[in-house]
Amino acid sequence: MFLGLGILGLALAVGVGNSGDAKKDKDKEKEKVKHAIPAGWKALKLTNDQKKTVYAIQDEWQPKIMEAQRKVTQLQLQEKAALLQVLTAEQKALLIGEELKDKTPAKDKDKDKDK
């Protein structure tokens, strides 16, 4: 029952805290950008120079977008932690029970209906 709360707390601590590891921070900066011509652009028959320019733009913007997405995820975890502080211990236990039910595979739910 309280295992779910412990797991949630651990996930929050890991997700919110900074790594403090300089190597990992450098790796984030060097994340591999997947180059792809935007959908529908192949029909435009871009030249090689245009493709290189598109890839250079992606090299510049994709890391910024990935960082923004990480920040959004971090903010969502912080919001959830703040929301959970509103609940009583009993309400948290009920919530975790409901979340576990929702994550139960569909096959198991169908078996329970037959019983």
PDB file of N, CA and C in Angstrom:
ATOM      1  N   MET A   1       0.827  -1.178   0.000  1.00  0.00           N
ATOM      2  CA  MET A   1       0.000   0.000   0.000  1.00  0.00           C
ATOM      3  C   MET A   1       0.875   1.246   0.000  1.00  0.00           C
ATOM      4  N   PHE A   2       1.837   1.300   0.896  1.00  0.00           N
ATOM      5  CA  PHE A   2       2.717   2.464   0.968  1.00  0.00           C
ATOM      6  C   PHE A   2       3.909   2.315   0.028  1.00  0.00           C
ATOM      7  N   LEU A   3       4.035   1.139  -0.587  1.00  0.00           N
ATOM      8  CA  LEU A   3       5.100   0.922  -1.551  1.00  0.00           C
ATOM      9  C   LEU A   3       4.962   1.885  -2.718  1.00  0.00           C
ATOM     10  N   GLY A   4       3.732   2.089  -3.174  1.00  0.00           N
ATOM     11  CA  GLY A   4       3.486   3.015  -4.284  1.00  0.00           C
ATOM     12  C   GLY A   4       3.898   4.426  -3.934  1.00  0.00           C
ATOM     13  N   LEU A   5       3.639   4.837  -2.682  1.00  0.00           N
ATOM     14  CA  LEU A   5       4.047   6.173  -2.248  1.00  0.00           C
ATOM     15  C   LEU A   5       5.564   6.287  -2.239  1.00  0.00           C
ATOM     16  N   GLY A   6       6.238   5.238  -1.807  1.00  0.00           N
ATOM     17  CA  GLY A   6       7.698   5.244  -1.791  1.00  0.00           C
ATOM     18  C   GLY A   6       8.259   5.331  -3.196  1.00  0.00           C
ATOM     19  N   ILE A   7       7.658   4.581  -4.115  1.00  0.00           N
ATOM     20  CA  ILE A   7       8.105   4.608  -5.507  1.00  0.00           C
ATOM     21  C   ILE A   7       7.866   5.984  -6.102  1.00  0.00           C
ATOM     22  N   LEU A   8       6.698   6.564  -5.821  1.00  0.00           N
ATOM     23  CA  LEU A   8       6.392   7.900  -6.327  1.00  0.00           C
ATOM     24  C   LEU A   8       7.378   8.918  -5.768  1.00  0.00           C
ATOM     25  N   GLY A   9       7.684   8.815  -4.491  1.00  0.00           N
ATOM     26  CA  GLY A   9       8.637   9.734  -3.872  1.00  0.00           C
ATOM     27  C   GLY A   9      10.015   9.598  -4.482  1.00  0.00           C
ATOM     28  N   LEU A  10      10.431   8.353  -4.724  1.00  0.00           N
ATOM     29  CA  LEU A  10      11.731   8.116  -5.338  1.00  0.00           C
ATOM     30  C   LEU A  10      11.779   8.671  -6.754  1.00  0.00           C
ATOM     31  N   ALA A  11      10.729   8.446  -7.513  1.00  0.00           N
ATOM     32  CA  ALA A  11      10.684   8.962  -8.884  1.00  0.00           C
ATOM     33  C   ALA A  11      10.727  10.478  -8.879  1.00  0.00           C
ATOM     34  N   LEU A  12      10.045  11.073  -7.940  1.00  0.00           N
ATOM     35  CA  LEU A  12      10.030  12.526  -7.841  1.00  0.00           C
ATOM     36  C   LEU A  12      11.413  13.048  -7.479  1.00  0.00           C
ATOM     37  N   ALA A  13      12.059  12.409  -6.532  1.00  0.00           N
ATOM     38  CA  ALA A  13      13.394  12.853  -6.114  1.00  0.00           C
ATOM     39  C   ALA A  13      14.392  12.724  -7.255  1.00  0.00           C
ATOM     40  N   VAL A  14      14.310  11.640  -7.982  1.00  0.00           N
ATOM     41  CA  VAL A  14      15.225  11.432  -9.102  1.00  0.00           C
ATOM     42  C   VAL A  14      14.908  12.397 -10.236  1.00  0.00           C
ATOM     43  N   GLY A  15      13.631  12.605 -10.514  1.00  0.00           N
ATOM     44  CA  GLY A  15      13.234  13.471 -11.625  1.00  0.00           C
ATOM     45  C   GLY A  15      13.473  14.933 -11.362  1.00  0.00           C
ATOM     46  N   VAL A  16      13.371  15.369 -10.126  1.00  0.00           N
ATOM     47  CA  VAL A  16      13.477  16.781  -9.798  1.00  0.00           C
ATOM     48  C   VAL A  16      14.915  17.192  -9.518  1.00  0.00           C
ATOM     49  N   GLY A  17      15.695  16.310  -8.935  1.00  0.00           N
ATOM     50  CA  GLY A  17      17.066  16.657  -8.549  1.00  0.00           C
ATOM     51  C   GLY A  17      17.986  16.797  -9.747  1.00  0.00           C
ATOM     52  N   ASN A  18      19.035  17.581  -9.593  1.00  0.00           N
ATOM     53  CA  ASN A  18      20.050  17.701 -10.623  1.00  0.00           C
ATOM     54  C   ASN A  18      21.042  16.572 -10.464  1.00  0.00           C
ATOM     55  N   SER A  19      21.586  16.133 -11.580  1.00  0.00           N
ATOM     56  CA  SER A  19      22.493  14.998 -11.527  1.00  0.00           C
ATOM     57  C   SER A  19      23.799  15.362 -10.836  1.00  0.00           C
ATOM     58  N   GLY A  20      24.283  16.572 -11.058  1.00  0.00           N
ATOM     59  CA  GLY A  20      25.541  16.974 -10.479  1.00  0.00           C
ATOM     60  C   GLY A  20      26.730  16.333 -11.163  1.00  0.00           C
ATOM     61  N   ASP A  21      26.469  15.502 -12.126  1.00  0.00           N
ATOM     62  CA  ASP A  21      27.524  14.805 -12.843  1.00  0.00           C
ATOM     63  C   ASP A  21      27.829  15.581 -14.119  1.00  0.00           C
ATOM     64  N   ALA A  22      29.012  16.176 -14.171  1.00  0.00           N
ATOM     65  CA  ALA A  22      29.384  17.011 -15.303  1.00  0.00           C
ATOM     66  C   ALA A  22      29.402  16.226 -16.604  1.00  0.00           C
ATOM     67  N   LYS A  23      29.810  14.968 -16.544  1.00  0.00           N
ATOM     68  CA  LYS A  23      29.858  14.154 -17.758  1.00  0.00           C
ATOM     69  C   LYS A  23      28.463  13.950 -18.335  1.00  0.00           C
ATOM     70  N   LYS A  24      27.506  13.652 -17.475  1.00  0.00           N
ATOM     71  CA  LYS A  24      26.141  13.468 -17.944  1.00  0.00           C
ATOM     72  C   LYS A  24      25.595  14.760 -18.535  1.00  0.00           C
ATOM     73  N   ASP A  25      25.920  15.889 -17.926  1.00  0.00           N
ATOM     74  CA  ASP A  25      25.465  17.169 -18.447  1.00  0.00           C
ATOM     75  C   ASP A  25      26.049  17.433 -19.829  1.00  0.00           C
ATOM     76  N   LYS A  26      27.320  17.060 -20.027  1.00  0.00           N
ATOM     77  CA  LYS A  26      27.938  17.233 -21.345  1.00  0.00           C
ATOM     78  C   LYS A  26      27.281  16.314 -22.357  1.00  0.00           C
ATOM     79  N   ASP A  27      26.947  15.099 -21.925  1.00  0.00           N
ATOM     80  CA  ASP A  27      26.294  14.152 -22.826  1.00  0.00           C
ATOM     81  C   ASP A  27      24.942  14.684 -23.280  1.00  0.00           C
ATOM     82  N   LYS A  28      24.234  15.355 -22.383  1.00  0.00           N
ATOM     83  CA  LYS A  28      22.948  15.936 -22.755  1.00  0.00           C
ATOM     84  C   LYS A  28      23.130  16.957 -23.866  1.00  0.00           C
ATOM     85  N   GLU A  29      24.192  17.750 -23.757  1.00  0.00           N
ATOM     86  CA  GLU A  29      24.451  18.765 -24.763  1.00  0.00           C
ATOM     87  C   GLU A  29      24.775  18.136 -26.112  1.00  0.00           C
ATOM     88  N   LYS A  30      25.404  16.967 -26.078  1.00  0.00           N
ATOM     89  CA  LYS A  30      25.835  16.323 -27.311  1.00  0.00           C
ATOM     90  C   LYS A  30      24.838  15.283 -27.801  1.00  0.00           C
ATOM     91  N   GLU A  31      23.615  15.321 -27.301  1.00  0.00           N
ATOM     92  CA  GLU A  31      22.634  14.334 -27.712  1.00  0.00           C
ATOM     93  C   GLU A  31      22.524  14.319 -29.228  1.00  0.00           C
ATOM     94  N   LYS A  32      22.427  13.138 -29.736  1.00  0.00           N
ATOM     95  CA  LYS A  32      22.370  12.965 -31.179  1.00  0.00           C
ATOM     96  C   LYS A  32      21.033  13.475 -31.708  1.00  0.00           C
ATOM     97  N   VAL A  33      21.136  14.398 -32.647  1.00  0.00           N
ATOM     98  CA  VAL A  33      19.942  14.931 -33.289  1.00  0.00           C
ATOM     99  C   VAL A  33      19.628  14.036 -34.481  1.00  0.00           C
ATOM    100  N   LYS A  34      18.387  13.627 -34.577  1.00  0.00           N
ATOM    101  CA  LYS A  34      17.972  12.807 -35.710  1.00  0.00           C
ATOM    102  C   LYS A  34      17.616  13.740 -36.864  1.00  0.00           C
ATOM    103  N   HIS A  35      18.386  13.645 -37.904  1.00  0.00           N
ATOM    104  CA  HIS A  35      18.116  14.482 -39.064  1.00  0.00           C
ATOM    105  C   HIS A  35      17.010  13.856 -39.897  1.00  0.00           C
ATOM    106  N   ALA A  36      16.069  14.680 -40.276  1.00  0.00           N
ATOM    107  CA  ALA A  36      14.986  14.222 -41.131  1.00  0.00           C
ATOM    108  C   ALA A  36      14.426  15.430 -41.875  1.00  0.00           C
ATOM    109  N   ILE A  37      14.146  15.211 -43.112  1.00  0.00           N
ATOM    110  CA  ILE A  37      13.492  16.258 -43.889  1.00  0.00           C
ATOM    111  C   ILE A  37      12.032  16.295 -43.408  1.00  0.00           C
ATOM    112  N   PRO A  38      11.489  17.477 -43.124  1.00  0.00           N
ATOM    113  CA  PRO A  38      10.104  17.563 -42.644  1.00  0.00           C
ATOM    114  C   PRO A  38       9.114  16.890 -43.600  1.00  0.00           C
ATOM    115  N   ALA A  39       8.028  16.409 -43.032  1.00  0.00           N
ATOM    116  CA  ALA A  39       6.998  15.721 -43.815  1.00  0.00           C
ATOM    117  C   ALA A  39       6.521  16.611 -44.963  1.00  0.00           C
ATOM    118  N   GLY A  40       6.431  16.011 -46.122  1.00  0.00           N
ATOM    119  CA  GLY A  40       5.949  16.719 -47.301  1.00  0.00           C
ATOM    120  C   GLY A  40       7.038  17.469 -48.066  1.00  0.00           C
ATOM    121  N   TRP A  41       8.241  17.537 -47.506  1.00  0.00           N
ATOM    122  CA  TRP A  41       9.314  18.306 -48.138  1.00  0.00           C
ATOM    123  C   TRP A  41      10.072  17.511 -49.201  1.00  0.00           C
ATOM    124  N   LYS A  42       9.965  16.206 -49.188  1.00  0.00           N
ATOM    125  CA  LYS A  42      10.686  15.411 -50.199  1.00  0.00           C
ATOM    126  C   LYS A  42      10.189  15.745 -51.599  1.00  0.00           C
ATOM    127  N   ALA A  43       8.917  16.051 -51.720  1.00  0.00           N
ATOM    128  CA  ALA A  43       8.347  16.398 -53.015  1.00  0.00           C
ATOM    129  C   ALA A  43       8.915  17.725 -53.538  1.00  0.00           C
ATOM    130  N   LEU A  44       9.529  18.506 -52.654  1.00  0.00           N
ATOM    131  CA  LEU A  44      10.098  19.791 -53.056  1.00  0.00           C
ATOM    132  C   LEU A  44      11.451  19.637 -53.745  1.00  0.00           C
ATOM    133  N   LYS A  45      11.993  18.428 -53.717  1.00  0.00           N
ATOM    134  CA  LYS A  45      13.276  18.122 -54.364  1.00  0.00           C
ATOM    135  C   LYS A  45      14.362  19.112 -53.940  1.00  0.00           C
ATOM    136  N   LEU A  46      14.632  19.116 -52.621  1.00  0.00           N
ATOM    137  CA  LEU A  46      15.650  20.009 -52.081  1.00  0.00           C
ATOM    138  C   LEU A  46      17.029  19.652 -52.626  1.00  0.00           C
ATOM    139  N   THR A  47      17.839  20.666 -52.805  1.00  0.00           N
ATOM    140  CA  THR A  47      19.224  20.430 -53.211  1.00  0.00           C
ATOM    141  C   THR A  47      20.000  19.924 -52.002  1.00  0.00           C
ATOM    142  N   ASN A  48      21.211  19.418 -52.243  1.00  0.00           N
ATOM    143  CA  ASN A  48      22.047  18.946 -51.139  1.00  0.00           C
ATOM    144  C   ASN A  48      22.375  20.097 -50.184  1.00  0.00           C
ATOM    145  N   ASP A  49      22.608  21.280 -50.733  1.00  0.00           N
ATOM    146  CA  ASP A  49      22.887  22.439 -49.878  1.00  0.00           C
ATOM    147  C   ASP A  49      21.678  22.776 -49.002  1.00  0.00           C
ATOM    148  N   GLN A  50      20.491  22.694 -49.560  1.00  0.00           N
ATOM    149  CA  GLN A  50      19.289  22.962 -48.774  1.00  0.00           C
ATOM    150  C   GLN A  50      19.126  21.918 -47.669  1.00  0.00           C
ATOM    151  N   LYS A  51      19.400  20.662 -47.993  1.00  0.00           N
ATOM    152  CA  LYS A  51      19.309  19.599 -46.985  1.00  0.00           C
ATOM    153  C   LYS A  51      20.309  19.849 -45.859  1.00  0.00           C
ATOM    154  N   LYS A  52      21.528  20.235 -46.223  1.00  0.00           N
ATOM    155  CA  LYS A  52      22.542  20.522 -45.208  1.00  0.00           C
ATOM    156  C   LYS A  52      22.102  21.672 -44.318  1.00  0.00           C
ATOM    157  N   THR A  53      21.468  22.674 -44.913  1.00  0.00           N
ATOM    158  CA  THR A  53      20.974  23.814 -44.140  1.00  0.00           C
ATOM    159  C   THR A  53      19.856  23.378 -43.192  1.00  0.00           C
ATOM    160  N   VAL A  54      18.954  22.518 -43.675  1.00  0.00           N
ATOM    161  CA  VAL A  54      17.876  21.985 -42.831  1.00  0.00           C
ATOM    162  C   VAL A  54      18.490  21.225 -41.653  1.00  0.00           C
ATOM    163  N   TYR A  55      19.493  20.395 -41.916  1.00  0.00           N
ATOM    164  CA  TYR A  55      20.129  19.622 -40.855  1.00  0.00           C
ATOM    165  C   TYR A  55      20.839  20.531 -39.855  1.00  0.00           C
ATOM    166  N   ALA A  56      21.464  21.590 -40.346  1.00  0.00           N
ATOM    167  CA  ALA A  56      22.133  22.540 -39.450  1.00  0.00           C
ATOM    168  C   ALA A  56      21.117  23.229 -38.547  1.00  0.00           C
ATOM    169  N   ILE A  57      19.962  23.562 -39.097  1.00  0.00           N
ATOM    170  CA  ILE A  57      18.897  24.184 -38.300  1.00  0.00           C
ATOM    171  C   ILE A  57      18.407  23.196 -37.245  1.00  0.00           C
ATOM    172  N   GLN A  58      18.258  21.939 -37.623  1.00  0.00           N
ATOM    173  CA  GLN A  58      17.840  20.921 -36.664  1.00  0.00           C
ATOM    174  C   GLN A  58      18.893  20.736 -35.574  1.00  0.00           C
ATOM    175  N   ASP A  59      20.177  20.788 -35.953  1.00  0.00           N
ATOM    176  CA  ASP A  59      21.251  20.687 -34.962  1.00  0.00           C
ATOM    177  C   ASP A  59      21.167  21.807 -33.945  1.00  0.00           C
ATOM    178  N   GLU A  60      20.751  22.970 -34.396  1.00  0.00           N
ATOM    179  CA  GLU A  60      20.646  24.125 -33.497  1.00  0.00           C
ATOM    180  C   GLU A  60      19.413  24.049 -32.607  1.00  0.00           C
ATOM    181  N   TRP A  61      18.276  23.680 -33.183  1.00  0.00           N
ATOM    182  CA  TRP A  61      17.006  23.783 -32.459  1.00  0.00           C
ATOM    183  C   TRP A  61      16.596  22.539 -31.687  1.00  0.00           C
ATOM    184  N   GLN A  62      16.912  21.347 -32.181  1.00  0.00           N
ATOM    185  CA  GLN A  62      16.460  20.132 -31.505  1.00  0.00           C
ATOM    186  C   GLN A  62      16.963  20.008 -30.064  1.00  0.00           C
ATOM    187  N   PRO A  63      18.229  20.312 -29.762  1.00  0.00           N
ATOM    188  CA  PRO A  63      18.646  20.239 -28.351  1.00  0.00           C
ATOM    189  C   PRO A  63      17.862  21.217 -27.463  1.00  0.00           C
ATOM    190  N   LYS A  64      17.543  22.384 -27.980  1.00  0.00           N
ATOM    191  CA  LYS A  64      16.757  23.361 -27.215  1.00  0.00           C
ATOM    192  C   LYS A  64      15.349  22.824 -26.964  1.00  0.00           C
ATOM    193  N   ILE A  65      14.779  22.191 -27.970  1.00  0.00           N
ATOM    194  CA  ILE A  65      13.431  21.625 -27.842  1.00  0.00           C
ATOM    195  C   ILE A  65      13.444  20.462 -26.849  1.00  0.00           C
ATOM    196  N   MET A  66      14.469  19.594 -26.934  1.00  0.00           N
ATOM    197  CA  MET A  66      14.566  18.458 -25.999  1.00  0.00           C
ATOM    198  C   MET A  66      14.716  18.951 -24.561  1.00  0.00           C
ATOM    199  N   GLU A  67      15.509  19.992 -24.362  1.00  0.00           N
ATOM    200  CA  GLU A  67      15.686  20.551 -23.022  1.00  0.00           C
ATOM    201  C   GLU A  67      14.366  21.122 -22.498  1.00  0.00           C
ATOM    202  N   ALA A  68      13.640  21.806 -23.361  1.00  0.00           N
ATOM    203  CA  ALA A  68      12.341  22.357 -22.957  1.00  0.00           C
ATOM    204  C   ALA A  68      11.373  21.231 -22.586  1.00  0.00           C
ATOM    205  N   GLN A  69      11.409  20.133 -23.330  1.00  0.00           N
ATOM    206  CA  GLN A  69      10.542  18.997 -23.020  1.00  0.00           C
ATOM    207  C   GLN A  69      10.923  18.370 -21.678  1.00  0.00           C
ATOM    208  N   ARG A  70      12.226  18.297 -21.386  1.00  0.00           N
ATOM    209  CA  ARG A  70      12.662  17.788 -20.077  1.00  0.00           C
ATOM    210  C   ARG A  70      12.159  18.694 -18.956  1.00  0.00           C
ATOM    211  N   LYS A  71      12.213  20.005 -19.186  1.00  0.00           N
ATOM    212  CA  LYS A  71      11.745  20.949 -18.168  1.00  0.00           C
ATOM    213  C   LYS A  71      10.249  20.803 -17.940  1.00  0.00           C
ATOM    214  N   VAL A  72       9.496  20.594 -19.011  1.00  0.00           N
ATOM    215  CA  VAL A  72       8.048  20.389 -18.874  1.00  0.00           C
ATOM    216  C   VAL A  72       7.780  19.141 -18.045  1.00  0.00           C
ATOM    217  N   THR A  73       8.498  18.070 -18.315  1.00  0.00           N
ATOM    218  CA  THR A  73       8.329  16.830 -17.551  1.00  0.00           C
ATOM    219  C   THR A  73       8.646  17.064 -16.082  1.00  0.00           C
ATOM    220  N   GLN A  74       9.717  17.804 -15.824  1.00  0.00           N
ATOM    221  CA  GLN A  74      10.109  18.115 -14.451  1.00  0.00           C
ATOM    222  C   GLN A  74       9.019  18.933 -13.756  1.00  0.00           C
ATOM    223  N   LEU A  75       8.487  19.915 -14.447  1.00  0.00           N
ATOM    224  CA  LEU A  75       7.418  20.738 -13.872  1.00  0.00           C
ATOM    225  C   LEU A  75       6.168  19.910 -13.602  1.00  0.00           C
ATOM    226  N   GLN A  76       5.856  18.970 -14.479  1.00  0.00           N
ATOM    227  CA  GLN A  76       4.690  18.116 -14.264  1.00  0.00           C
ATOM    228  C   GLN A  76       4.879  17.244 -13.023  1.00  0.00           C
ATOM    229  N   LEU A  77       6.105  16.753 -12.803  1.00  0.00           N
ATOM    230  CA  LEU A  77       6.378  15.971 -11.593  1.00  0.00           C
ATOM    231  C   LEU A  77       6.237  16.833 -10.343  1.00  0.00           C
ATOM    232  N   GLN A  78       6.717  18.063 -10.407  1.00  0.00           N
ATOM    233  CA  GLN A  78       6.601  18.973  -9.268  1.00  0.00           C
ATOM    234  C   GLN A  78       5.143  19.311  -8.991  1.00  0.00           C
ATOM    235  N   GLU A  79       4.360  19.492 -10.063  1.00  0.00           N
ATOM    236  CA  GLU A  79       2.936  19.764  -9.887  1.00  0.00           C
ATOM    237  C   GLU A  79       2.252  18.584  -9.214  1.00  0.00           C
ATOM    238  N   LYS A  80       2.567  17.368  -9.674  1.00  0.00           N
ATOM    239  CA  LYS A  80       1.938  16.183  -9.091  1.00  0.00           C
ATOM    240  C   LYS A  80       2.298  16.057  -7.616  1.00  0.00           C
ATOM    241  N   ALA A  81       3.549  16.364  -7.272  1.00  0.00           N
ATOM    242  CA  ALA A  81       3.972  16.303  -5.872  1.00  0.00           C
ATOM    243  C   ALA A  81       3.182  17.314  -5.039  1.00  0.00           C
ATOM    244  N   ALA A  82       2.985  18.503  -5.573  1.00  0.00           N
ATOM    245  CA  ALA A  82       2.222  19.523  -4.857  1.00  0.00           C
ATOM    246  C   ALA A  82       0.762  19.098  -4.704  1.00  0.00           C
ATOM    247  N   LEU A  83       0.209  18.498  -5.751  1.00  0.00           N
ATOM    248  CA  LEU A  83      -1.175  18.024  -5.679  1.00  0.00           C
ATOM    249  C   LEU A  83      -1.322  16.913  -4.646  1.00  0.00           C
ATOM    250  N   LEU A  84      -0.340  16.024  -4.584  1.00  0.00           N
ATOM    251  CA  LEU A  84      -0.407  14.921  -3.621  1.00  0.00           C
ATOM    252  C   LEU A  84      -0.346  15.411  -2.184  1.00  0.00           C
ATOM    253  N   GLN A  85       0.269  16.559  -1.949  1.00  0.00           N
ATOM    254  CA  GLN A  85       0.353  17.101  -0.596  1.00  0.00           C
ATOM    255  C   GLN A  85      -1.022  17.524  -0.071  1.00  0.00           C
ATOM    256  N   VAL A  86      -1.964  17.727  -0.967  1.00  0.00           N
ATOM    257  CA  VAL A  86      -3.319  18.114  -0.573  1.00  0.00           C
ATOM    258  C   VAL A  86      -4.057  16.926   0.044  1.00  0.00           C
ATOM    259  N   LEU A  87      -3.697  15.720  -0.368  1.00  0.00           N
ATOM    260  CA  LEU A  87      -4.429  14.522   0.032  1.00  0.00           C
ATOM    261  C   LEU A  87      -4.010  14.010   1.407  1.00  0.00           C
ATOM    262  N   THR A  88      -4.952  13.347   2.066  1.00  0.00           N
ATOM    263  CA  THR A  88      -4.642  12.658   3.317  1.00  0.00           C
ATOM    264  C   THR A  88      -3.953  11.335   2.968  1.00  0.00           C
ATOM    265  N   ALA A  89      -3.405  10.678   3.976  1.00  0.00           N
ATOM    266  CA  ALA A  89      -2.738   9.390   3.761  1.00  0.00           C
ATOM    267  C   ALA A  89      -3.717   8.365   3.181  1.00  0.00           C
ATOM    268  N   GLU A  90      -4.960   8.366   3.685  1.00  0.00           N
ATOM    269  CA  GLU A  90      -5.963   7.422   3.190  1.00  0.00           C
ATOM    270  C   GLU A  90      -6.294   7.694   1.729  1.00  0.00           C
ATOM    271  N   GLN A  91      -6.404   8.984   1.384  1.00  0.00           N
ATOM    272  CA  GLN A  91      -6.714   9.348   0.004  1.00  0.00           C
ATOM    273  C   GLN A  91      -5.564   8.960  -0.924  1.00  0.00           C
ATOM    274  N   LYS A  92      -4.337   9.143  -0.448  1.00  0.00           N
ATOM    275  CA  LYS A  92      -3.179   8.748  -1.262  1.00  0.00           C
ATOM    276  C   LYS A  92      -3.186   7.242  -1.500  1.00  0.00           C
ATOM    277  N   ALA A  93      -3.502   6.480  -0.465  1.00  0.00           N
ATOM    278  CA  ALA A  93      -3.547   5.024  -0.596  1.00  0.00           C
ATOM    279  C   ALA A  93      -4.620   4.615  -1.597  1.00  0.00           C
ATOM    280  N   LEU A  94      -5.783   5.254  -1.518  1.00  0.00           N
ATOM    281  CA  LEU A  94      -6.856   4.960  -2.479  1.00  0.00           C
ATOM    282  C   LEU A  94      -6.433   5.319  -3.895  1.00  0.00           C
ATOM    283  N   LEU A  95      -5.785   6.448  -4.048  1.00  0.00           N
ATOM    284  CA  LEU A  95      -5.341   6.891  -5.365  1.00  0.00           C
ATOM    285  C   LEU A  95      -4.345   5.906  -5.958  1.00  0.00           C
ATOM    286  N   ILE A  96      -3.404   5.460  -5.158  1.00  0.00           N
ATOM    287  CA  ILE A  96      -2.402   4.507  -5.638  1.00  0.00           C
ATOM    288  C   ILE A  96      -3.075   3.201  -6.019  1.00  0.00           C
ATOM    289  N   GLY A  97      -4.060   2.779  -5.240  1.00  0.00           N
ATOM    290  CA  GLY A  97      -4.805   1.564  -5.566  1.00  0.00           C
ATOM    291  C   GLY A  97      -5.508   1.690  -6.904  1.00  0.00           C
ATOM    292  N   GLU A  98      -6.094   2.848  -7.162  1.00  0.00           N
ATOM    293  CA  GLU A  98      -6.782   3.086  -8.429  1.00  0.00           C
ATOM    294  C   GLU A  98      -5.782   3.124  -9.588  1.00  0.00           C
ATOM    295  N   GLU A  99      -4.626   3.751  -9.375  1.00  0.00           N
ATOM    296  CA  GLU A  99      -3.618   3.821 -10.430  1.00  0.00           C
ATOM    297  C   GLU A  99      -3.089   2.434 -10.764  1.00  0.00           C
ATOM    298  N   LEU A 100      -2.948   1.583  -9.738  1.00  0.00           N
ATOM    299  CA  LEU A 100      -2.485   0.221  -9.996  1.00  0.00           C
ATOM    300  C   LEU A 100      -3.532  -0.566 -10.774  1.00  0.00           C
ATOM    301  N   LYS A 101      -4.805  -0.346 -10.473  1.00  0.00           N
ATOM    302  CA  LYS A 101      -5.879  -1.018 -11.209  1.00  0.00           C
ATOM    303  C   LYS A 101      -5.843  -0.598 -12.673  1.00  0.00           C
ATOM    304  N   ASP A 102      -5.620   0.695 -12.914  1.00  0.00           N
ATOM    305  CA  ASP A 102      -5.583   1.202 -14.284  1.00  0.00           C
ATOM    306  C   ASP A 102      -4.421   0.633 -15.076  1.00  0.00           C
ATOM    307  N   LYS A 103      -3.340   0.260 -14.395  1.00  0.00           N
ATOM    308  CA  LYS A 103      -2.159  -0.259 -15.072  1.00  0.00           C
ATOM    309  C   LYS A 103      -2.195  -1.774 -15.222  1.00  0.00           C
ATOM    310  N   THR A 104      -3.241  -2.420 -14.716  1.00  0.00           N
ATOM    311  CA  THR A 104      -3.375  -3.861 -14.839  1.00  0.00           C
ATOM    312  C   THR A 104      -3.635  -4.192 -16.310  1.00  0.00           C
ATOM    313  N   PRO A 105      -2.910  -5.163 -16.866  1.00  0.00           N
ATOM    314  CA  PRO A 105      -3.121  -5.527 -18.277  1.00  0.00           C
ATOM    315  C   PRO A 105      -4.566  -5.904 -18.551  1.00  0.00           C
ATOM    316  N   ALA A 106      -5.015  -5.652 -19.745  1.00  0.00           N
ATOM    317  CA  ALA A 106      -6.406  -5.895 -20.134  1.00  0.00           C
ATOM    318  C   ALA A 106      -6.787  -7.362 -19.974  1.00  0.00           C
ATOM    319  N   LYS A 107      -5.852  -8.288 -20.225  1.00  0.00           N
ATOM    320  CA  LYS A 107      -6.151  -9.719 -20.096  1.00  0.00           C
ATOM    321  C   LYS A 107      -6.586 -10.048 -18.673  1.00  0.00           C
ATOM    322  N   ASP A 108      -5.886  -9.493 -17.689  1.00  0.00           N
ATOM    323  CA  ASP A 108      -6.219  -9.767 -16.294  1.00  0.00           C
ATOM    324  C   ASP A 108      -7.575  -9.175 -15.941  1.00  0.00           C
ATOM    325  N   LYS A 109      -7.917  -8.023 -16.496  1.00  0.00           N
ATOM    326  CA  LYS A 109      -9.215  -7.418 -16.217  1.00  0.00           C
ATOM    327  C   LYS A 109     -10.334  -8.296 -16.770  1.00  0.00           C
ATOM    328  N   ASP A 110     -10.127  -8.860 -17.968  1.00  0.00           N
ATOM    329  CA  ASP A 110     -11.131  -9.729 -18.563  1.00  0.00           C
ATOM    330  C   ASP A 110     -11.309 -10.988 -17.728  1.00  0.00           C
ATOM    331  N   LYS A 111     -10.227 -11.550 -17.183  1.00  0.00           N
ATOM    332  CA  LYS A 111     -10.306 -12.744 -16.332  1.00  0.00           C
ATOM    333  C   LYS A 111     -11.107 -12.452 -15.076  1.00  0.00           C
ATOM    334  N   ASP A 112     -10.906 -11.225 -14.511  1.00  0.00           N
ATOM    335  CA  ASP A 112     -11.626 -10.866 -13.301  1.00  0.00           C
ATOM    336  C   ASP A 112     -13.130 -10.753 -13.561  1.00  0.00           C
ATOM    337  N   LYS A 113     -13.511 -10.346 -14.758  1.00  0.00           N
ATOM    338  CA  LYS A 113     -14.937 -10.203 -15.091  1.00  0.00           C
ATOM    339  C   LYS A 113     -15.620 -11.556 -15.127  1.00  0.00           C
ATOM    340  N   ASP A 114     -14.882 -12.589 -15.562  1.00  0.00           N
ATOM    341  CA  ASP A 114     -15.457 -13.915 -15.673  1.00  0.00           C
ATOM    342  C   ASP A 114     -15.730 -14.548 -14.316  1.00  0.00           C
ATOM    343  N   LYS A 115     -15.029 -14.112 -13.291  1.00  0.00           N
ATOM    344  CA  LYS A 115     -15.155 -14.724 -11.952  1.00  0.00           C
ATOM    345  C   LYS A 115     -16.398 -14.324 -11.254  1.00  0.00           C
TER     346      LYS A 115
END
